[in-house]
Amino acid sequence: MAPLVLFSTVITHLFGGSAGREGTAVQIGGSIAHFLGNQMRLSRENARILLMTGIAGGFGAVFGTPVAGAIFALEVLVIGKIKYEALLPCLMAAVLSDIVCSAWGIHHTRYQIGFTGRPMAGMQSIHFNSVLLLKAIAAGIAFGLAARLFTTLSHTIKDYANQLIKPKWLIPATGGLLIIGLAFLTGPDYLSLGVSNPDPGAVSILSCFNEGGAGYFSWFWKILFTAITLGMGFKGGEVTPLFL
């Protein structure tokens, strides 16, 4: 699985498919860990912990966020339940994978948020802006609704594609044509990963940190591009496009 998912994700990015990279890293880490667990004839419980460490290592490496990688691995296999005996192995794997990436000279994108706010009148002793806090809460609700739209849309596209298009090879071919059509309609900004763009005026995650870096419907177009890409059978992650 590891070489297959790596090759297919590179192909998706190379030809403009809107997909992430973290899903690939998680699947590679998980599949290698699963293979090693089988070779060592581990018990079901220990094999499960090893699988989680592989997932943690993949996530921690691709984003440079070992703590988030460890927590993600603890949560992803069973939603709502945390396997505490896997906490230390997952954290060790995620930290080590991040160290290995740094040792190879791999640098992750850094995002700089310039905040020039002042304390509200009469609230100098409280070191946060309550209006900004309310905006963050409202934004969190909006982000959750946008993520819900993405999951619903991608599953719906996948279901209808499988129902309406009988030859399986024709599903990604149709998806590719839809992406090409949308790119002609909206421009190339929403193709591929979306972290950066050679054109400083294009929409990307980095440009969104600047005023005028995105349009009012940039979020919707990226969701649509990504839902079609993944729903029609191309490989890759979901997280990085959803950041945009």
C-alpha atoms as a PDB file:
ATOM      1  CA  MET A   1       0.000   0.000   0.000  1.00  0.00           C
ATOM      2  CA  ALA A   2       2.791   2.461   0.900  1.00  0.00           C
ATOM      3  CA  PRO A   3       4.356   2.828  -2.587  1.00  0.00           C
ATOM      4  CA  LEU A   4       0.935   2.773  -4.267  1.00  0.00           C
ATOM      5  CA  VAL A   5      -0.513   5.595  -2.188  1.00  0.00           C
ATOM      6  CA  LEU A   6       2.681   7.662  -2.483  1.00  0.00           C
ATOM      7  CA  PHE A   7       2.797   7.326  -6.279  1.00  0.00           C
ATOM      8  CA  SER A   8      -0.929   8.008  -6.747  1.00  0.00           C
ATOM      9  CA  THR A   9      -0.839  11.107  -4.513  1.00  0.00           C
ATOM     10  CA  VAL A  10       2.173  12.529  -6.377  1.00  0.00           C
ATOM     11  CA  ILE A  11       0.286  11.961  -9.650  1.00  0.00           C
ATOM     12  CA  THR A  12      -2.783  13.731  -8.211  1.00  0.00           C
ATOM     13  CA  HIS A  13      -0.741  16.791  -7.154  1.00  0.00           C
ATOM     14  CA  LEU A  14       1.354  16.843 -10.332  1.00  0.00           C
ATOM     15  CA  PHE A  15      -1.712  17.095 -12.562  1.00  0.00           C
ATOM     16  CA  GLY A  16      -3.550  19.658 -10.433  1.00  0.00           C
ATOM     17  CA  GLY A  17      -5.861  17.540  -8.289  1.00  0.00           C
ATOM     18  CA  SER A  18      -6.965  19.431  -5.180  1.00  0.00           C
ATOM     19  CA  ALA A  19      -5.841  17.118  -2.369  1.00  0.00           C
ATOM     20  CA  GLY A  20      -3.668  17.163   0.730  1.00  0.00           C
ATOM     21  CA  ARG A  21      -0.575  15.202   1.709  1.00  0.00           C
ATOM     22  CA  GLU A  22      -1.255  14.201   5.316  1.00  0.00           C
ATOM     23  CA  GLY A  23      -3.567  11.324   4.359  1.00  0.00           C
ATOM     24  CA  THR A  24      -0.744   9.850   2.320  1.00  0.00           C
ATOM     25  CA  ALA A  25       1.775  10.146   5.174  1.00  0.00           C
ATOM     26  CA  VAL A  26      -0.694   8.615   7.647  1.00  0.00           C
ATOM     27  CA  GLN A  27      -1.450   5.688   5.303  1.00  0.00           C
ATOM     28  CA  ILE A  28       2.244   5.079   4.587  1.00  0.00           C
ATOM     29  CA  GLY A  29       3.138   5.125   8.304  1.00  0.00           C
ATOM     30  CA  GLY A  30       0.174   2.942   9.174  1.00  0.00           C
ATOM     31  CA  SER A  31       0.755   0.390   6.398  1.00  0.00           C
ATOM     32  CA  ILE A  32       4.471  -0.018   7.263  1.00  0.00           C
ATOM     33  CA  ALA A  33       3.605  -0.415  10.964  1.00  0.00           C
ATOM     34  CA  HIS A  34       0.927  -2.990  10.098  1.00  0.00           C
ATOM     35  CA  PHE A  35       3.423  -4.939   7.961  1.00  0.00           C
ATOM     36  CA  LEU A  36       6.018  -4.939  10.760  1.00  0.00           C
ATOM     37  CA  GLY A  37       3.390  -6.030  13.283  1.00  0.00           C
ATOM     38  CA  ASN A  38       2.511  -9.017  11.111  1.00  0.00           C
ATOM     39  CA  GLN A  39       6.165  -9.935  10.648  1.00  0.00           C
ATOM     40  CA  MET A  40       6.802  -9.842  14.404  1.00  0.00           C
ATOM     41  CA  ARG A  41       3.598 -11.819  15.094  1.00  0.00           C
ATOM     42  CA  LEU A  42       2.440  -9.322  17.700  1.00  0.00           C
ATOM     43  CA  SER A  43      -0.778  -9.789  19.625  1.00  0.00           C
ATOM     44  CA  ARG A  44      -3.837  -7.946  18.314  1.00  0.00           C
ATOM     45  CA  GLU A  45      -3.535  -5.359  21.092  1.00  0.00           C
ATOM     46  CA  ASN A  46       0.179  -4.655  20.524  1.00  0.00           C
ATOM     47  CA  ALA A  47      -0.282  -4.612  16.740  1.00  0.00           C
ATOM     48  CA  ARG A  48      -2.964  -1.961  17.204  1.00  0.00           C
ATOM     49  CA  ILE A  49      -0.607   0.191  19.296  1.00  0.00           C
ATOM     50  CA  LEU A  50       2.129  -0.200  16.659  1.00  0.00           C
ATOM     51  CA  LEU A  51      -0.357   0.843  13.965  1.00  0.00           C
ATOM     52  CA  MET A  52      -1.176   3.972  15.960  1.00  0.00           C
ATOM     53  CA  THR A  53       2.534   4.830  16.320  1.00  0.00           C
ATOM     54  CA  GLY A  54       2.915   4.545  12.531  1.00  0.00           C
ATOM     55  CA  ILE A  55       0.001   6.938  12.039  1.00  0.00           C
ATOM     56  CA  ALA A  56       1.447   9.359  14.626  1.00  0.00           C
ATOM     57  CA  GLY A  57       4.840   9.300  12.918  1.00  0.00           C
ATOM     58  CA  GLY A  58       3.331  10.017   9.500  1.00  0.00           C
ATOM     59  CA  PHE A  59       1.216  12.929  10.725  1.00  0.00           C
ATOM     60  CA  GLY A  60       3.954  14.419  12.912  1.00  0.00           C
ATOM     61  CA  ALA A  61       6.451  14.330  10.052  1.00  0.00           C
ATOM     62  CA  VAL A  62       4.304  15.842   7.320  1.00  0.00           C
ATOM     63  CA  PHE A  63       3.159  18.846   9.381  1.00  0.00           C
ATOM     64  CA  GLY A  64       6.026  19.218  11.859  1.00  0.00           C
ATOM     65  CA  THR A  65       3.479  18.994  14.693  1.00  0.00           C
ATOM     66  CA  PRO A  66       4.408  15.991  16.883  1.00  0.00           C
ATOM     67  CA  VAL A  67       1.918  16.683  19.683  1.00  0.00           C
ATOM     68  CA  ALA A  68      -0.972  17.012  17.226  1.00  0.00           C
ATOM     69  CA  GLY A  69       0.266  13.878  15.454  1.00  0.00           C
ATOM     70  CA  ALA A  70       0.207  11.854  18.664  1.00  0.00           C
ATOM     71  CA  ILE A  71      -3.296  13.046  19.608  1.00  0.00           C
ATOM     72  CA  PHE A  72      -4.572  12.422  16.068  1.00  0.00           C
ATOM     73  CA  ALA A  73      -3.293   8.832  16.157  1.00  0.00           C
ATOM     74  CA  LEU A  74      -4.928   8.218  19.543  1.00  0.00           C
ATOM     75  CA  GLU A  75      -8.306   9.433  18.276  1.00  0.00           C
ATOM     76  CA  VAL A  76      -8.447   8.300  14.659  1.00  0.00           C
ATOM     77  CA  LEU A  77      -8.994   4.543  15.067  1.00  0.00           C
ATOM     78  CA  VAL A  78     -11.819   4.756  17.604  1.00  0.00           C
ATOM     79  CA  ILE A  79     -13.704   8.059  17.680  1.00  0.00           C
ATOM     80  CA  GLY A  80     -14.426   9.262  21.208  1.00  0.00           C
ATOM     81  CA  LYS A  81     -12.111   6.778  22.977  1.00  0.00           C
ATOM     82  CA  ILE A  82      -8.441   7.335  23.792  1.00  0.00           C
ATOM     83  CA  LYS A  83      -6.104   4.379  24.296  1.00  0.00           C
ATOM     84  CA  TYR A  84      -3.880   5.739  27.054  1.00  0.00           C
ATOM     85  CA  GLU A  85      -1.302   2.924  26.898  1.00  0.00           C
ATOM     86  CA  ALA A  86      -0.536   4.102  23.340  1.00  0.00           C
ATOM     87  CA  LEU A  87       0.053   7.720  24.409  1.00  0.00           C
ATOM     88  CA  LEU A  88       3.803   7.474  25.087  1.00  0.00           C
ATOM     89  CA  PRO A  89       4.647   5.301  22.022  1.00  0.00           C
ATOM     90  CA  CYS A  90       2.651   7.655  19.758  1.00  0.00           C
ATOM     91  CA  LEU A  91       4.351  10.743  21.196  1.00  0.00           C
ATOM     92  CA  MET A  92       7.806   9.149  20.825  1.00  0.00           C
ATOM     93  CA  ALA A  93       7.105   8.182  17.198  1.00  0.00           C
ATOM     94  CA  ALA A  94       5.753  11.636  16.294  1.00  0.00           C
ATOM     95  CA  VAL A  95       8.659  13.491  17.936  1.00  0.00           C
ATOM     96  CA  LEU A  96      11.250  11.187  16.336  1.00  0.00           C
ATOM     97  CA  SER A  97       9.694  11.570  12.873  1.00  0.00           C
ATOM     98  CA  ASP A  98       9.805  15.362  13.245  1.00  0.00           C
ATOM     99  CA  ILE A  99      13.482  15.178  14.320  1.00  0.00           C
ATOM    100  CA  VAL A 100      14.309  12.983  11.291  1.00  0.00           C
ATOM    101  CA  CYS A 101      12.642  15.482   8.927  1.00  0.00           C
ATOM    102  CA  SER A 102      14.575  18.370  10.485  1.00  0.00           C
ATOM    103  CA  ALA A 103      17.842  16.385  10.254  1.00  0.00           C
ATOM    104  CA  TRP A 104      17.255  15.946   6.508  1.00  0.00           C
ATOM    105  CA  GLY A 105      16.820  19.718   6.141  1.00  0.00           C
ATOM    106  CA  ILE A 106      13.071  19.559   5.481  1.00  0.00           C
ATOM    107  CA  HIS A 107      11.361  22.777   6.544  1.00  0.00           C
ATOM    108  CA  HIS A 108       7.642  23.271   7.072  1.00  0.00           C
ATOM    109  CA  THR A 109       5.686  26.345   6.042  1.00  0.00           C
ATOM    110  CA  ARG A 110       5.448  28.944   8.802  1.00  0.00           C
ATOM    111  CA  TYR A 111       2.392  31.156   9.165  1.00  0.00           C
ATOM    112  CA  GLN A 112       2.797  34.582  10.718  1.00  0.00           C
ATOM    113  CA  ILE A 113      -0.260  36.317  12.163  1.00  0.00           C
ATOM    114  CA  GLY A 114       0.332  40.001  12.878  1.00  0.00           C
ATOM    115  CA  PHE A 115      -1.925  41.152  15.750  1.00  0.00           C
ATOM    116  CA  THR A 116      -1.921  44.816  16.732  1.00  0.00           C
ATOM    117  CA  GLY A 117      -4.977  44.865  19.002  1.00  0.00           C
ATOM    118  CA  ARG A 118      -5.186  46.780  22.257  1.00  0.00           C
ATOM    119  CA  PRO A 119      -6.862  45.835  25.572  1.00  0.00           C
ATOM    120  CA  MET A 120     -10.450  47.059  25.871  1.00  0.00           C
ATOM    121  CA  ALA A 121     -11.114  50.119  28.017  1.00  0.00           C
ATOM    122  CA  GLY A 122     -11.148  49.222  31.702  1.00  0.00           C
ATOM    123  CA  MET A 123      -9.885  45.691  31.037  1.00  0.00           C
ATOM    124  CA  GLN A 124      -6.116  46.253  30.977  1.00  0.00           C
ATOM    125  CA  SER A 125      -5.561  43.456  33.504  1.00  0.00           C
ATOM    126  CA  ILE A 126      -7.204  40.873  31.207  1.00  0.00           C
ATOM    127  CA  HIS A 127      -4.770  39.852  28.501  1.00  0.00           C
ATOM    128  CA  PHE A 128      -7.214  39.002  25.761  1.00  0.00           C
ATOM    129  CA  ASN A 129      -9.645  40.883  23.594  1.00  0.00           C
ATOM    130  CA  SER A 130     -13.193  39.674  24.304  1.00  0.00           C
ATOM    131  CA  VAL A 131     -14.471  40.922  20.919  1.00  0.00           C
ATOM    132  CA  LEU A 132     -11.725  38.928  19.185  1.00  0.00           C
ATOM    133  CA  LEU A 133     -12.687  35.912  21.324  1.00  0.00           C
ATOM    134  CA  LEU A 134     -16.328  36.171  20.165  1.00  0.00           C
ATOM    135  CA  LYS A 135     -15.151  36.450  16.558  1.00  0.00           C
ATOM    136  CA  ALA A 136     -13.033  33.308  17.045  1.00  0.00           C
ATOM    137  CA  ILE A 137     -16.060  31.427  18.423  1.00  0.00           C
ATOM    138  CA  ALA A 138     -18.193  32.508  15.455  1.00  0.00           C
ATOM    139  CA  ALA A 139     -15.384  31.561  13.064  1.00  0.00           C
ATOM    140  CA  GLY A 140     -15.079  28.133  14.718  1.00  0.00           C
ATOM    141  CA  ILE A 141     -18.789  27.504  14.092  1.00  0.00           C
ATOM    142  CA  ALA A 142     -18.405  28.601  10.463  1.00  0.00           C
ATOM    143  CA  PHE A 143     -15.356  26.350  10.005  1.00  0.00           C
ATOM    144  CA  GLY A 144     -17.280  23.384  11.426  1.00  0.00           C
ATOM    145  CA  LEU A 145     -20.185  23.994   9.034  1.00  0.00           C
ATOM    146  CA  ALA A 146     -17.764  24.288   6.105  1.00  0.00           C
ATOM    147  CA  ALA A 147     -16.148  20.963   7.080  1.00  0.00           C
ATOM    148  CA  ARG A 148     -19.605  19.375   7.325  1.00  0.00           C
ATOM    149  CA  LEU A 149     -20.394  20.670   3.833  1.00  0.00           C
ATOM    150  CA  PHE A 150     -17.151  19.152   2.536  1.00  0.00           C
ATOM    151  CA  THR A 151     -17.789  15.693   3.997  1.00  0.00           C
ATOM    152  CA  THR A 152     -21.405  15.639   2.795  1.00  0.00           C
ATOM    153  CA  LEU A 153     -20.432  16.837  -0.676  1.00  0.00           C
ATOM    154  CA  SER A 154     -17.524  14.424  -1.130  1.00  0.00           C
ATOM    155  CA  HIS A 155     -19.591  11.393  -0.003  1.00  0.00           C
ATOM    156  CA  THR A 156     -22.516  12.449  -2.213  1.00  0.00           C
ATOM    157  CA  ILE A 157     -20.249  12.864  -5.257  1.00  0.00           C
ATOM    158  CA  LYS A 158     -18.676   9.453  -4.626  1.00  0.00           C
ATOM    159  CA  ASP A 159     -22.060   7.719  -4.239  1.00  0.00           C
ATOM    160  CA  TYR A 160     -23.567   9.270  -7.380  1.00  0.00           C
ATOM    161  CA  ALA A 161     -20.404   8.627  -9.401  1.00  0.00           C
ATOM    162  CA  ASN A 162     -20.500   4.921  -8.502  1.00  0.00           C
ATOM    163  CA  GLN A 163     -24.215   4.717  -9.318  1.00  0.00           C
ATOM    164  CA  LEU A 164     -24.201   6.611 -12.615  1.00  0.00           C
ATOM    165  CA  ILE A 165     -20.806   5.658 -14.107  1.00  0.00           C
ATOM    166  CA  LYS A 166     -20.471   1.897 -14.459  1.00  0.00           C
ATOM    167  CA  PRO A 167     -16.920   1.568 -15.919  1.00  0.00           C
ATOM    168  CA  LYS A 168     -14.727   2.300 -12.885  1.00  0.00           C
ATOM    169  CA  TRP A 169     -11.872   3.792 -14.917  1.00  0.00           C
ATOM    170  CA  LEU A 170     -14.309   6.375 -16.290  1.00  0.00           C
ATOM    171  CA  ILE A 171     -15.000   7.820 -12.814  1.00  0.00           C
ATOM    172  CA  PRO A 172     -11.572   9.520 -12.320  1.00  0.00           C
ATOM    173  CA  ALA A 173     -11.525  10.441 -16.029  1.00  0.00           C
ATOM    174  CA  THR A 174     -14.846  12.282 -15.568  1.00  0.00           C
ATOM    175  CA  GLY A 175     -13.572  13.851 -12.343  1.00  0.00           C
ATOM    176  CA  GLY A 176     -10.469  15.106 -14.149  1.00  0.00           C
ATOM    177  CA  LEU A 177     -12.618  16.725 -16.846  1.00  0.00           C
ATOM    178  CA  LEU A 178     -14.783  18.396 -14.195  1.00  0.00           C
ATOM    179  CA  ILE A 179     -11.689  19.822 -12.475  1.00  0.00           C
ATOM    180  CA  ILE A 180     -10.347  21.115 -15.809  1.00  0.00           C
ATOM    181  CA  GLY A 181     -13.705  22.767 -16.522  1.00  0.00           C
ATOM    182  CA  LEU A 182     -13.806  24.405 -13.096  1.00  0.00           C
ATOM    183  CA  ALA A 183     -10.198  25.624 -13.538  1.00  0.00           C
ATOM    184  CA  PHE A 184     -11.221  27.358 -16.780  1.00  0.00           C
ATOM    185  CA  LEU A 185     -14.166  28.911 -14.919  1.00  0.00           C
ATOM    186  CA  THR A 186     -12.368  30.110 -11.766  1.00  0.00           C
ATOM    187  CA  GLY A 187      -8.684  30.144 -12.747  1.00  0.00           C
ATOM    188  CA  PRO A 188      -5.891  27.835 -11.538  1.00  0.00           C
ATOM    189  CA  ASP A 189      -5.799  29.101  -7.928  1.00  0.00           C
ATOM    190  CA  TYR A 190      -7.702  26.133  -6.489  1.00  0.00           C
ATOM    191  CA  LEU A 191      -5.676  23.358  -8.089  1.00  0.00           C
ATOM    192  CA  SER A 192      -3.246  21.102  -6.210  1.00  0.00           C
ATOM    193  CA  LEU A 193      -2.219  21.561  -2.568  1.00  0.00           C
ATOM    194  CA  GLY A 194      -2.925  25.281  -2.164  1.00  0.00           C
ATOM    195  CA  VAL A 195      -0.265  26.154   0.442  1.00  0.00           C
ATOM    196  CA  SER A 196       1.592  28.614  -1.793  1.00  0.00           C
ATOM    197  CA  ASN A 197       1.546  29.840  -5.380  1.00  0.00           C
ATOM    198  CA  PRO A 198       4.254  31.297  -7.661  1.00  0.00           C
ATOM    199  CA  ASP A 199       1.794  34.108  -8.468  1.00  0.00           C
ATOM    200  CA  PRO A 200       1.726  36.476  -5.435  1.00  0.00           C
ATOM    201  CA  GLY A 201      -1.791  37.579  -6.387  1.00  0.00           C
ATOM    202  CA  ALA A 202      -3.204  34.042  -6.437  1.00  0.00           C
ATOM    203  CA  VAL A 203      -5.337  32.560  -3.666  1.00  0.00           C
ATOM    204  CA  SER A 204      -3.351  30.284  -1.344  1.00  0.00           C
ATOM    205  CA  ILE A 205      -3.088  29.592   2.387  1.00  0.00           C
ATOM    206  CA  LEU A 206      -0.148  32.003   2.644  1.00  0.00           C
ATOM    207  CA  SER A 207      -1.920  34.771   0.712  1.00  0.00           C
ATOM    208  CA  CYS A 208      -4.981  34.418   2.987  1.00  0.00           C
ATOM    209  CA  PHE A 209      -2.890  35.871   5.822  1.00  0.00           C
ATOM    210  CA  ASN A 210      -2.722  39.144   3.871  1.00  0.00           C
ATOM    211  CA  GLU A 211      -5.534  41.589   3.227  1.00  0.00           C
ATOM    212  CA  GLY A 212      -7.205  40.876  -0.107  1.00  0.00           C
ATOM    213  CA  GLY A 213      -5.566  37.448  -0.348  1.00  0.00           C
ATOM    214  CA  ALA A 214      -8.844  35.633  -0.984  1.00  0.00           C
ATOM    215  CA  GLY A 215     -12.305  36.327  -2.369  1.00  0.00           C
ATOM    216  CA  TYR A 216     -15.592  35.900  -0.530  1.00  0.00           C
ATOM    217  CA  PHE A 217     -16.188  32.490  -2.139  1.00  0.00           C
ATOM    218  CA  SER A 218     -12.620  31.154  -2.198  1.00  0.00           C
ATOM    219  CA  TRP A 219     -13.495  28.737   0.621  1.00  0.00           C
ATOM    220  CA  PHE A 220     -16.411  27.308  -1.377  1.00  0.00           C
ATOM    221  CA  TRP A 221     -14.413  26.821  -4.577  1.00  0.00           C
ATOM    222  CA  LYS A 222     -11.629  24.988  -2.705  1.00  0.00           C
ATOM    223  CA  ILE A 223     -14.203  22.723  -1.037  1.00  0.00           C
ATOM    224  CA  LEU A 224     -15.787  21.943  -4.417  1.00  0.00           C
ATOM    225  CA  PHE A 225     -12.441  21.244  -6.116  1.00  0.00           C
ATOM    226  CA  THR A 226     -11.339  18.964  -3.248  1.00  0.00           C
ATOM    227  CA  ALA A 227     -14.681  17.124  -2.960  1.00  0.00           C
ATOM    228  CA  ILE A 228     -14.647  16.337  -6.687  1.00  0.00           C
ATOM    229  CA  THR A 229     -10.968  15.311  -6.643  1.00  0.00           C
ATOM    230  CA  LEU A 230     -11.330  12.872  -3.727  1.00  0.00           C
ATOM    231  CA  GLY A 231     -14.925  11.838  -4.426  1.00  0.00           C
ATOM    232  CA  MET A 232     -14.053  10.818  -7.992  1.00  0.00           C
ATOM    233  CA  GLY A 233     -11.244   8.509  -6.950  1.00  0.00           C
ATOM    234  CA  PHE A 234      -8.025  10.523  -6.833  1.00  0.00           C
ATOM    235  CA  LYS A 235      -5.729   9.999  -3.842  1.00  0.00           C
ATOM    236  CA  GLY A 236      -4.485  12.441  -1.227  1.00  0.00           C
ATOM    237  CA  GLY A 237      -5.372  13.993   2.093  1.00  0.00           C
ATOM    238  CA  GLU A 238      -8.132  16.392   3.081  1.00  0.00           C
ATOM    239  CA  VAL A 239      -6.641  18.538   5.836  1.00  0.00           C
ATOM    240  CA  THR A 240      -4.429  20.983   3.915  1.00  0.00           C
ATOM    241  CA  PRO A 241      -7.125  21.974   1.375  1.00  0.00           C
ATOM    242  CA  LEU A 242      -9.567  22.407   4.267  1.00  0.00           C
ATOM    243  CA  PHE A 243      -7.095  24.791   5.945  1.00  0.00           C
ATOM    244  CA  LEU A 244      -7.459  27.055   2.933  1.00  0.00           C
END
